[in-house]
PDB file of all heavy atoms in Angstrom:
ATOM      1  N   MET A   1      95.966 101.596  73.749  1.00  0.00           N
ATOM      2  CA  MET A   1      96.371 100.932  72.530  1.00  0.00           C
ATOM      3  C   MET A   1      95.395 101.290  71.433  1.00  0.00           C
ATOM      4  O   MET A   1      94.299 101.800  71.684  1.00  0.00           O
ATOM      5  CB  MET A   1      96.377  99.405  72.724  1.00  0.00           C
ATOM      6  CG  MET A   1      97.434  98.912  73.697  1.00  0.00           C
ATOM      7  SD  MET A   1      97.269  97.159  73.923  1.00  0.00           S
ATOM      8  CE  MET A   1      97.297  96.582  72.232  1.00  0.00           C
ATOM      9  N   ALA A   2      95.802 101.040  70.185  1.00  0.00           N
ATOM     10  CA  ALA A   2      94.910 101.313  69.069  1.00  0.00           C
ATOM     11  C   ALA A   2      93.636 100.520  69.248  1.00  0.00           C
ATOM     12  O   ALA A   2      93.654  99.318  69.468  1.00  0.00           O
ATOM     13  CB  ALA A   2      95.594 100.919  67.763  1.00  0.00           C
ATOM     14  N   GLY A   3      92.506 101.222  69.151  1.00  0.00           N
ATOM     15  CA  GLY A   3      91.225 100.542  69.325  1.00  0.00           C
ATOM     16  C   GLY A   3      90.898 100.281  70.756  1.00  0.00           C
ATOM     17  O   GLY A   3      89.935  99.597  71.060  1.00  0.00           O
ATOM     18  N   GLY A   4      91.697 100.820  71.699  1.00  0.00           N
ATOM     19  CA  GLY A   4      91.496 100.513  73.103  1.00  0.00           C
ATOM     20  C   GLY A   4      90.818 101.628  73.849  1.00  0.00           C
ATOM     21  O   GLY A   4      91.052 101.818  75.047  1.00  0.00           O
ATOM     22  N   GLU A   5      89.987 102.415  73.217  1.00  0.00           N
ATOM     23  CA  GLU A   5      89.312 103.515  73.862  1.00  0.00           C
ATOM     24  C   GLU A   5      88.426 102.975  74.982  1.00  0.00           C
ATOM     25  O   GLU A   5      87.707 101.998  74.838  1.00  0.00           O
ATOM     26  CB  GLU A   5      88.477 104.263  72.840  1.00  0.00           C
ATOM     27  CG  GLU A   5      87.838 105.530  73.395  1.00  0.00           C
ATOM     28  CD  GLU A   5      87.089 106.304  72.328  1.00  0.00           C
ATOM     29  OE1 GLU A   5      87.165 105.916  71.153  1.00  0.00           O
ATOM     30  OE2 GLU A   5      86.438 107.285  72.686  1.00  0.00           O
ATOM     31  N   GLY A   6      88.519 103.635  76.145  1.00  0.00           N
ATOM     32  CA  GLY A   6      87.753 103.169  77.285  1.00  0.00           C
ATOM     33  C   GLY A   6      88.414 102.032  78.026  1.00  0.00           C
ATOM     34  O   GLY A   6      87.788 101.376  78.853  1.00  0.00           O
ATOM     35  N   ARG A   7      89.683 101.821  77.744  1.00  0.00           N
ATOM     36  CA  ARG A   7      90.429 100.719  78.364  1.00  0.00           C
ATOM     37  C   ARG A   7      90.509 100.923  79.876  1.00  0.00           C
ATOM     38  O   ARG A   7      90.788 102.009  80.365  1.00  0.00           O
ATOM     39  CB  ARG A   7      91.843 100.690  77.771  1.00  0.00           C
ATOM     40  CG  ARG A   7      92.709  99.565  78.290  1.00  0.00           C
ATOM     41  CD  ARG A   7      94.137  99.804  77.820  1.00  0.00           C
ATOM     42  NE  ARG A   7      94.925  98.585  77.925  1.00  0.00           N
ATOM     43  CZ  ARG A   7      96.249  98.588  77.879  1.00  0.00           C
ATOM     44  NH1 ARG A   7      96.900  99.708  77.708  1.00  0.00           N
ATOM     45  NH2 ARG A   7      96.919  97.455  77.965  1.00  0.00           N
ATOM     46  N   VAL A   8      90.274  99.860  80.612  1.00  0.00           N
ATOM     47  CA  VAL A   8      90.333  99.906  82.058  1.00  0.00           C
ATOM     48  C   VAL A   8      91.435  98.968  82.543  1.00  0.00           C
ATOM     49  O   VAL A   8      91.438  97.778  82.191  1.00  0.00           O
ATOM     50  CB  VAL A   8      88.990  99.502  82.698  1.00  0.00           C
ATOM     51  CG1 VAL A   8      89.109  99.503  84.228  1.00  0.00           C
ATOM     52  CG2 VAL A   8      87.886 100.432  82.250  1.00  0.00           C
ATOM     53  N   THR A   9      92.399  99.509  83.291  1.00  0.00           N
ATOM     54  CA  THR A   9      93.496  98.711  83.819  1.00  0.00           C
ATOM     55  C   THR A   9      93.146  98.255  85.231  1.00  0.00           C
ATOM     56  O   THR A   9      92.763  99.074  86.053  1.00  0.00           O
ATOM     57  CB  THR A   9      94.801  99.533  83.844  1.00  0.00           C
ATOM     58  OG1 THR A   9      95.086  99.949  82.519  1.00  0.00           O
ATOM     59  CG2 THR A   9      95.945  98.712  84.395  1.00  0.00           C
ATOM     60  N   PRO A  10      93.268  96.957  85.513  1.00  0.00           N
ATOM     61  CA  PRO A  10      92.903  96.484  86.851  1.00  0.00           C
ATOM     62  C   PRO A  10      93.856  97.028  87.926  1.00  0.00           C
ATOM     63  O   PRO A  10      95.038  97.213  87.689  1.00  0.00           O
ATOM     64  CB  PRO A  10      93.037  94.963  86.732  1.00  0.00           C
ATOM     65  CG  PRO A  10      94.004  94.758  85.603  1.00  0.00           C
ATOM     66  CD  PRO A  10      93.747  95.866  84.651  1.00  0.00           C
ATOM     67  N   GLN A  11      93.291  97.280  89.103  1.00  0.00           N
ATOM     68  CA  GLN A  11      94.098  97.658  90.247  1.00  0.00           C
ATOM     69  C   GLN A  11      94.513  96.401  90.996  1.00  0.00           C
ATOM     70  O   GLN A  11      93.676  95.527  91.262  1.00  0.00           O
ATOM     71  CB  GLN A  11      93.289  98.593  91.172  1.00  0.00           C
ATOM     72  CG  GLN A  11      92.943  99.935  90.542  1.00  0.00           C
ATOM     73  CD  GLN A  11      92.128 100.794  91.472  1.00  0.00           C
ATOM     74  OE1 GLN A  11      91.351 100.295  92.275  1.00  0.00           O
ATOM     75  NE2 GLN A  11      92.324 102.106  91.381  1.00  0.00           N
ATOM     76  N   LEU A  12      95.781  96.284  91.323  1.00  0.00           N
ATOM     77  CA  LEU A  12      96.319  95.059  91.906  1.00  0.00           C
ATOM     78  C   LEU A  12      97.000  95.346  93.243  1.00  0.00           C
ATOM     79  O   LEU A  12      98.179  95.732  93.273  1.00  0.00           O
ATOM     80  CB  LEU A  12      97.313  94.385  90.937  1.00  0.00           C
ATOM     81  CG  LEU A  12      96.794  94.107  89.532  1.00  0.00           C
ATOM     82  CD1 LEU A  12      97.928  93.593  88.659  1.00  0.00           C
ATOM     83  CD2 LEU A  12      95.659  93.106  89.577  1.00  0.00           C
ATOM     84  N   PRO A  13      96.295  95.199  94.361  1.00  0.00           N
ATOM     85  CA  PRO A  13      96.961  95.386  95.654  1.00  0.00           C
ATOM     86  C   PRO A  13      98.118  94.397  95.818  1.00  0.00           C
ATOM     87  O   PRO A  13      97.946  93.199  95.623  1.00  0.00           O
ATOM     88  CB  PRO A  13      95.843  95.087  96.668  1.00  0.00           C
ATOM     89  CG  PRO A  13      94.577  95.275  95.886  1.00  0.00           C
ATOM     90  CD  PRO A  13      94.889  94.862  94.490  1.00  0.00           C
ATOM     91  N   SER A  14      99.291  94.899  96.134  1.00  0.00           N
ATOM     92  CA  SER A  14     100.475  94.051  96.202  1.00  0.00           C
ATOM     93  C   SER A  14     100.635  93.353  97.549  1.00  0.00           C
ATOM     94  O   SER A  14     101.341  92.351  97.668  1.00  0.00           O
ATOM     95  CB  SER A  14     101.741  94.857  95.930  1.00  0.00           C
ATOM     96  OG  SER A  14     101.911  95.846  96.918  1.00  0.00           O
ATOM     97  N   GLY A  15      99.985  93.893  98.582  1.00  0.00           N
ATOM     98  CA  GLY A  15     100.116  93.281  99.889  1.00  0.00           C
ATOM     99  C   GLY A  15     101.484  93.510 100.512  1.00  0.00           C
ATOM    100  O   GLY A  15     102.296  94.305 100.035  1.00  0.00           O
ATOM    101  N   GLU A  16     101.744  92.788 101.574  1.00  0.00           N
ATOM    102  CA  GLU A  16     103.012  92.881 102.276  1.00  0.00           C
ATOM    103  C   GLU A  16     103.442  91.486 102.701  1.00  0.00           C
ATOM    104  O   GLU A  16     102.623  90.702 103.160  1.00  0.00           O
ATOM    105  CB  GLU A  16     102.886  93.788 103.513  1.00  0.00           C
ATOM    106  CG  GLU A  16     104.196  94.137 104.170  1.00  0.00           C
ATOM    107  CD  GLU A  16     104.007  95.175 105.264  1.00  0.00           C
ATOM    108  OE1 GLU A  16     103.189  94.911 106.181  1.00  0.00           O
ATOM    109  OE2 GLU A  16     104.656  96.236 105.204  1.00  0.00           O
ATOM    110  N   ASN A  17     104.716  91.157 102.549  1.00  0.00           N
ATOM    111  CA  ASN A  17     105.232  89.839 102.894  1.00  0.00           C
ATOM    112  C   ASN A  17     105.895  89.865 104.264  1.00  0.00           C
ATOM    113  O   ASN A  17     106.612  90.813 104.593  1.00  0.00           O
ATOM    114  CB  ASN A  17     106.249  89.356 101.858  1.00  0.00           C
ATOM    115  CG  ASN A  17     105.618  89.027 100.534  1.00  0.00           C
ATOM    116  OD1 ASN A  17     104.453  89.370 100.295  1.00  0.00           O
ATOM    117  ND2 ASN A  17     106.350  88.373  99.658  1.00  0.00           N
ATOM    118  N   LYS A  18     105.669  88.809 105.045  1.00  0.00           N
ATOM    119  CA  LYS A  18     106.389  88.643 106.297  1.00  0.00           C
ATOM    120  C   LYS A  18     107.120  87.314 106.253  1.00  0.00           C
ATOM    121  O   LYS A  18     106.517  86.260 106.124  1.00  0.00           O
ATOM    122  CB  LYS A  18     105.435  88.689 107.485  1.00  0.00           C
ATOM    123  CG  LYS A  18     106.171  88.487 108.820  1.00  0.00           C
ATOM    124  CD  LYS A  18     105.340  88.883 110.011  1.00  0.00           C
ATOM    125  CE  LYS A  18     104.208  87.933 110.282  1.00  0.00           C
ATOM    126  NZ  LYS A  18     103.498  88.275 111.534  1.00  0.00           N
ATOM    127  N   VAL A  19     108.451  87.380 106.352  1.00  0.00           N
ATOM    128  CA  VAL A  19     109.277  86.169 106.351  1.00  0.00           C
ATOM    129  C   VAL A  19     109.557  85.791 107.798  1.00  0.00           C
ATOM    130  O   VAL A  19     110.037  86.612 108.581  1.00  0.00           O
ATOM    131  CB  VAL A  19     110.596  86.388 105.584  1.00  0.00           C
ATOM    132  CG1 VAL A  19     111.449  85.130 105.626  1.00  0.00           C
ATOM    133  CG2 VAL A  19     110.303  86.774 104.143  1.00  0.00           C
ATOM    134  N   THR A  20     109.253  84.556 108.149  1.00  0.00           N
ATOM    135  CA  THR A  20     109.376  84.098 109.541  1.00  0.00           C
ATOM    136  C   THR A  20     110.372  82.939 109.615  1.00  0.00           C
ATOM    137  O   THR A  20     110.358  82.035 108.776  1.00  0.00           O
ATOM    138  CB  THR A  20     108.020  83.633 110.076  1.00  0.00           C
ATOM    139  OG1 THR A  20     107.098  84.716 109.991  1.00  0.00           O
ATOM    140  CG2 THR A  20     108.150  83.192 111.522  1.00  0.00           C
ATOM    141  N   SER A  21     111.234  82.988 110.619  1.00  0.00           N
ATOM    142  CA  SER A  21     112.177  81.906 110.882  1.00  0.00           C
ATOM    143  C   SER A  21     111.986  81.425 112.312  1.00  0.00           C
ATOM    144  O   SER A  21     111.872  82.226 113.243  1.00  0.00           O
ATOM    145  CB  SER A  21     113.624  82.370 110.678  1.00  0.00           C
ATOM    146  OG  SER A  21     114.535  81.356 111.060  1.00  0.00           O
ATOM    147  N   ASN A  22     111.954  80.108 112.499  1.00  0.00           N
ATOM    148  CA  ASN A  22     111.853  79.510 113.827  1.00  0.00           C
ATOM    149  C   ASN A  22     113.066  78.606 114.067  1.00  0.00           C
ATOM    150  O   ASN A  22     113.390  77.761 113.229  1.00  0.00           O
ATOM    151  CB  ASN A  22     110.582  78.675 113.953  1.00  0.00           C
ATOM    152  CG  ASN A  22     109.331  79.529 113.923  1.00  0.00           C
ATOM    153  OD1 ASN A  22     109.013  80.222 114.870  1.00  0.00           O
ATOM    154  ND2 ASN A  22     108.629  79.521 112.800  1.00  0.00           N
ATOM    155  N   VAL A  23     113.776  78.829 115.180  1.00  0.00           N
ATOM    156  CA  VAL A  23     114.967  78.039 115.474  1.00  0.00           C
ATOM    157  C   VAL A  23     114.815  77.360 116.825  1.00  0.00           C
ATOM    158  O   VAL A  23     114.082  77.832 117.705  1.00  0.00           O
ATOM    159  CB  VAL A  23     116.238  78.893 115.458  1.00  0.00           C
ATOM    160  CG1 VAL A  23     116.421  79.562 114.114  1.00  0.00           C
ATOM    161  CG2 VAL A  23     116.216  79.936 116.580  1.00  0.00           C
ATOM    162  N   THR A  24     115.504  76.234 116.976  1.00  0.00           N
ATOM    163  CA  THR A  24     115.598  75.541 118.260  1.00  0.00           C
ATOM    164  C   THR A  24     117.071  75.317 118.571  1.00  0.00           C
ATOM    165  O   THR A  24     117.804  74.773 117.756  1.00  0.00           O
ATOM    166  CB  THR A  24     114.867  74.189 118.212  1.00  0.00           C
ATOM    167  OG1 THR A  24     113.489  74.394 117.874  1.00  0.00           O
ATOM    168  CG2 THR A  24     114.930  73.478 119.562  1.00  0.00           C
TER     169      THR A  24
END
């Protein structure tokens, strides 16, 4: 961006989702 010299963008690990269902 204007005036943004040296700008550093954060790294964002997204991870992984596990959806679990338990039934009886």
